[in-house]
N, C-alpha and C. Protein backbone atom coordinates (compact mmCIF):
# COMPACT_ATOMS: atom_id res chain seq x y z
N MET A 1 -3.55 0.23 14.19
CA MET A 1 -3.22 -0.13 12.82
C MET A 1 -4.44 0.10 11.95
N VAL A 2 -4.21 0.71 10.80
CA VAL A 2 -5.27 0.97 9.83
C VAL A 2 -5.09 0.00 8.67
N LYS A 3 -6.18 -0.66 8.27
CA LYS A 3 -6.13 -1.59 7.15
C LYS A 3 -7.14 -1.16 6.10
N ARG A 4 -6.73 -1.22 4.84
CA ARG A 4 -7.60 -0.89 3.72
C ARG A 4 -7.31 -1.84 2.56
N ASN A 5 -8.34 -2.21 1.82
CA ASN A 5 -8.17 -2.99 0.60
C ASN A 5 -7.87 -2.03 -0.53
N ILE A 6 -6.83 -2.34 -1.30
CA ILE A 6 -6.43 -1.48 -2.41
C ILE A 6 -6.18 -2.29 -3.67
N VAL A 7 -6.15 -1.60 -4.80
CA VAL A 7 -5.76 -2.19 -6.08
C VAL A 7 -4.78 -1.22 -6.73
N LEU A 8 -3.65 -1.74 -7.19
CA LEU A 8 -2.66 -0.89 -7.85
C LEU A 8 -2.80 -0.97 -9.36
N GLY A 9 -2.80 -2.17 -9.91
CA GLY A 9 -3.15 -2.35 -11.31
C GLY A 9 -2.08 -2.14 -12.36
N ASN A 10 -1.24 -1.11 -12.23
CA ASN A 10 -0.22 -0.88 -13.26
C ASN A 10 1.04 -0.27 -12.65
N VAL A 11 2.08 -0.20 -13.44
CA VAL A 11 3.38 0.25 -12.97
C VAL A 11 3.35 1.70 -12.49
N ALA A 12 2.65 2.56 -13.20
CA ALA A 12 2.56 3.98 -12.79
C ALA A 12 1.92 4.11 -11.41
N ASN A 13 0.87 3.32 -11.16
CA ASN A 13 0.22 3.35 -9.85
C ASN A 13 1.15 2.83 -8.76
N VAL A 14 1.92 1.79 -9.07
CA VAL A 14 2.87 1.25 -8.09
C VAL A 14 3.90 2.32 -7.73
N GLN A 15 4.41 3.01 -8.71
CA GLN A 15 5.41 4.05 -8.45
C GLN A 15 4.84 5.17 -7.60
N GLU A 16 3.63 5.62 -7.88
CA GLU A 16 3.00 6.68 -7.10
C GLU A 16 2.70 6.19 -5.68
N PHE A 17 2.18 4.99 -5.55
CA PHE A 17 1.89 4.41 -4.25
C PHE A 17 3.16 4.32 -3.41
N ASN A 18 4.22 3.83 -4.01
CA ASN A 18 5.50 3.68 -3.33
C ASN A 18 6.07 5.04 -2.91
N ARG A 19 5.90 6.06 -3.74
CA ARG A 19 6.36 7.41 -3.42
C ARG A 19 5.63 7.93 -2.18
N ILE A 20 4.31 7.74 -2.15
CA ILE A 20 3.51 8.18 -1.00
C ILE A 20 3.95 7.45 0.27
N CYS A 21 4.14 6.14 0.17
CA CYS A 21 4.56 5.35 1.33
C CYS A 21 5.91 5.82 1.86
N GLY A 22 6.80 6.21 0.97
CA GLY A 22 8.12 6.66 1.37
C GLY A 22 8.10 7.92 2.22
N HIS A 23 7.04 8.69 2.13
CA HIS A 23 6.92 9.92 2.92
C HIS A 23 6.26 9.70 4.28
N MET A 24 5.80 8.49 4.55
CA MET A 24 5.16 8.19 5.82
C MET A 24 6.23 7.93 6.89
N ASP A 25 6.00 8.43 8.10
CA ASP A 25 6.97 8.23 9.18
C ASP A 25 6.61 7.03 10.06
N PHE A 26 5.85 6.11 9.50
CA PHE A 26 5.47 4.87 10.18
C PHE A 26 5.55 3.74 9.17
N ASP A 27 5.53 2.51 9.66
CA ASP A 27 5.61 1.35 8.78
C ASP A 27 4.33 1.18 7.97
N VAL A 28 4.51 0.84 6.70
CA VAL A 28 3.39 0.55 5.81
C VAL A 28 3.71 -0.77 5.11
N ASP A 29 2.81 -1.73 5.23
CA ASP A 29 3.00 -3.05 4.63
C ASP A 29 1.86 -3.36 3.68
N LEU A 30 2.12 -4.28 2.77
CA LEU A 30 1.10 -4.81 1.88
C LEU A 30 1.03 -6.31 2.10
N THR A 31 -0.18 -6.85 2.16
CA THR A 31 -0.34 -8.29 2.27
C THR A 31 -1.21 -8.78 1.12
N GLN A 32 -0.90 -9.99 0.70
CA GLN A 32 -1.68 -10.66 -0.33
C GLN A 32 -1.57 -12.16 -0.05
N GLY A 33 -2.65 -12.71 0.47
CA GLY A 33 -2.59 -14.12 0.86
C GLY A 33 -1.59 -14.31 1.98
N LYS A 34 -0.63 -15.20 1.79
CA LYS A 34 0.36 -15.47 2.82
C LYS A 34 1.59 -14.55 2.72
N TYR A 35 1.61 -13.66 1.74
CA TYR A 35 2.76 -12.79 1.54
C TYR A 35 2.58 -11.43 2.20
N LEU A 36 3.65 -10.95 2.82
CA LEU A 36 3.67 -9.63 3.42
C LEU A 36 4.95 -8.94 2.97
N VAL A 37 4.83 -7.72 2.41
CA VAL A 37 6.00 -6.98 1.97
C VAL A 37 5.96 -5.55 2.51
N ASP A 38 7.11 -4.95 2.63
CA ASP A 38 7.25 -3.55 3.02
C ASP A 38 6.81 -2.69 1.85
N ALA A 39 5.79 -1.86 2.04
CA ALA A 39 5.26 -1.02 0.95
C ALA A 39 6.23 0.09 0.55
N LYS A 40 7.27 0.30 1.34
CA LYS A 40 8.30 1.29 0.98
C LYS A 40 9.36 0.69 0.07
N SER A 41 9.23 -0.62 -0.20
CA SER A 41 10.16 -1.32 -1.09
C SER A 41 9.47 -1.58 -2.43
N ILE A 42 9.91 -0.88 -3.45
CA ILE A 42 9.26 -1.04 -4.76
C ILE A 42 9.47 -2.46 -5.29
N MET A 43 10.61 -3.05 -5.01
CA MET A 43 10.85 -4.43 -5.45
C MET A 43 9.91 -5.40 -4.71
N GLY A 44 9.64 -5.12 -3.45
CA GLY A 44 8.70 -5.94 -2.71
C GLY A 44 7.31 -5.87 -3.31
N ILE A 45 6.88 -4.66 -3.67
CA ILE A 45 5.55 -4.49 -4.28
C ILE A 45 5.47 -5.25 -5.59
N PHE A 46 6.52 -5.16 -6.40
CA PHE A 46 6.51 -5.84 -7.70
C PHE A 46 6.54 -7.37 -7.56
N SER A 47 6.84 -7.88 -6.37
CA SER A 47 6.82 -9.33 -6.17
C SER A 47 5.38 -9.85 -5.98
N LEU A 48 4.42 -8.92 -5.81
CA LEU A 48 3.02 -9.29 -5.64
C LEU A 48 2.27 -9.20 -6.97
N ASP A 49 1.10 -9.78 -7.02
CA ASP A 49 0.25 -9.72 -8.21
C ASP A 49 -0.55 -8.42 -8.16
N MET A 50 -0.14 -7.44 -8.94
CA MET A 50 -0.74 -6.10 -8.89
C MET A 50 -2.17 -6.07 -9.42
N GLU A 51 -2.57 -7.07 -10.17
CA GLU A 51 -3.92 -7.11 -10.73
C GLU A 51 -4.96 -7.53 -9.70
N LYS A 52 -4.51 -8.17 -8.63
CA LYS A 52 -5.43 -8.66 -7.60
C LYS A 52 -5.43 -7.69 -6.42
N PRO A 53 -6.51 -7.73 -5.62
CA PRO A 53 -6.58 -6.84 -4.45
C PRO A 53 -5.45 -7.12 -3.45
N LEU A 54 -5.01 -6.06 -2.81
CA LEU A 54 -3.98 -6.12 -1.78
C LEU A 54 -4.55 -5.50 -0.52
N GLU A 55 -3.97 -5.84 0.62
CA GLU A 55 -4.39 -5.20 1.87
C GLU A 55 -3.26 -4.30 2.36
N LEU A 56 -3.57 -3.03 2.51
CA LEU A 56 -2.65 -2.03 3.04
C LEU A 56 -2.76 -2.08 4.56
N CYS A 57 -1.63 -2.21 5.23
CA CYS A 57 -1.59 -2.22 6.70
C CYS A 57 -0.65 -1.12 7.15
N ALA A 58 -1.21 -0.04 7.66
CA ALA A 58 -0.41 1.11 8.10
C ALA A 58 -0.34 1.12 9.62
N ASN A 59 0.85 1.24 10.16
CA ASN A 59 1.07 1.21 11.60
C ASN A 59 0.82 2.59 12.21
N THR A 60 -0.43 3.03 12.10
CA THR A 60 -0.88 4.31 12.64
C THR A 60 -2.35 4.19 13.00
N ASN A 61 -2.83 5.12 13.78
CA ASN A 61 -4.25 5.16 14.10
C ASN A 61 -4.97 6.27 13.37
N ASP A 62 -4.26 6.99 12.51
CA ASP A 62 -4.81 8.14 11.78
C ASP A 62 -5.51 7.68 10.50
N GLU A 63 -6.75 7.23 10.64
CA GLU A 63 -7.51 6.72 9.50
C GLU A 63 -7.75 7.80 8.45
N ALA A 64 -7.98 9.04 8.87
CA ALA A 64 -8.22 10.13 7.93
C ALA A 64 -7.01 10.36 7.03
N LEU A 65 -5.81 10.30 7.60
CA LEU A 65 -4.59 10.47 6.81
C LEU A 65 -4.47 9.38 5.76
N ILE A 66 -4.69 8.13 6.16
CA ILE A 66 -4.59 7.00 5.23
C ILE A 66 -5.63 7.13 4.12
N ASP A 67 -6.86 7.45 4.49
CA ASP A 67 -7.92 7.59 3.50
C ASP A 67 -7.62 8.72 2.52
N GLU A 68 -7.04 9.81 3.01
CA GLU A 68 -6.72 10.95 2.14
C GLU A 68 -5.55 10.64 1.20
N LYS A 69 -4.47 10.11 1.75
CA LYS A 69 -3.26 9.87 0.95
C LYS A 69 -3.44 8.75 -0.07
N PHE A 70 -4.23 7.74 0.27
CA PHE A 70 -4.35 6.56 -0.59
C PHE A 70 -5.71 6.44 -1.26
N LYS A 71 -6.47 7.53 -1.33
CA LYS A 71 -7.83 7.48 -1.86
C LYS A 71 -7.89 6.98 -3.31
N ALA A 72 -6.85 7.21 -4.09
CA ALA A 72 -6.84 6.76 -5.49
C ALA A 72 -6.72 5.24 -5.61
N PHE A 73 -6.28 4.58 -4.54
CA PHE A 73 -6.02 3.15 -4.60
C PHE A 73 -7.02 2.31 -3.80
N ILE A 74 -7.75 2.95 -2.89
CA ILE A 74 -8.67 2.23 -2.01
C ILE A 74 -9.90 1.78 -2.80
N GLN A 75 -10.27 0.53 -2.60
CA GLN A 75 -11.45 -0.02 -3.27
C GLN A 75 -12.70 0.41 -2.56
């Protein structure tokens, strides 16, 4: 599992992030405190506070892929 701290910040970033997650052939989750949501669910993402840092949890061992695809969001 690959974990990265990310910030989305606005609706356009959420839409782009969600689009990227939808193309992944493995599970991608976001956590914030005690909340965990499926990153492929745009409604789930909008249930979180986008202004605060989130933790991306990708069910893969390919760190290079995660770093490349999500570089715009990684802190």
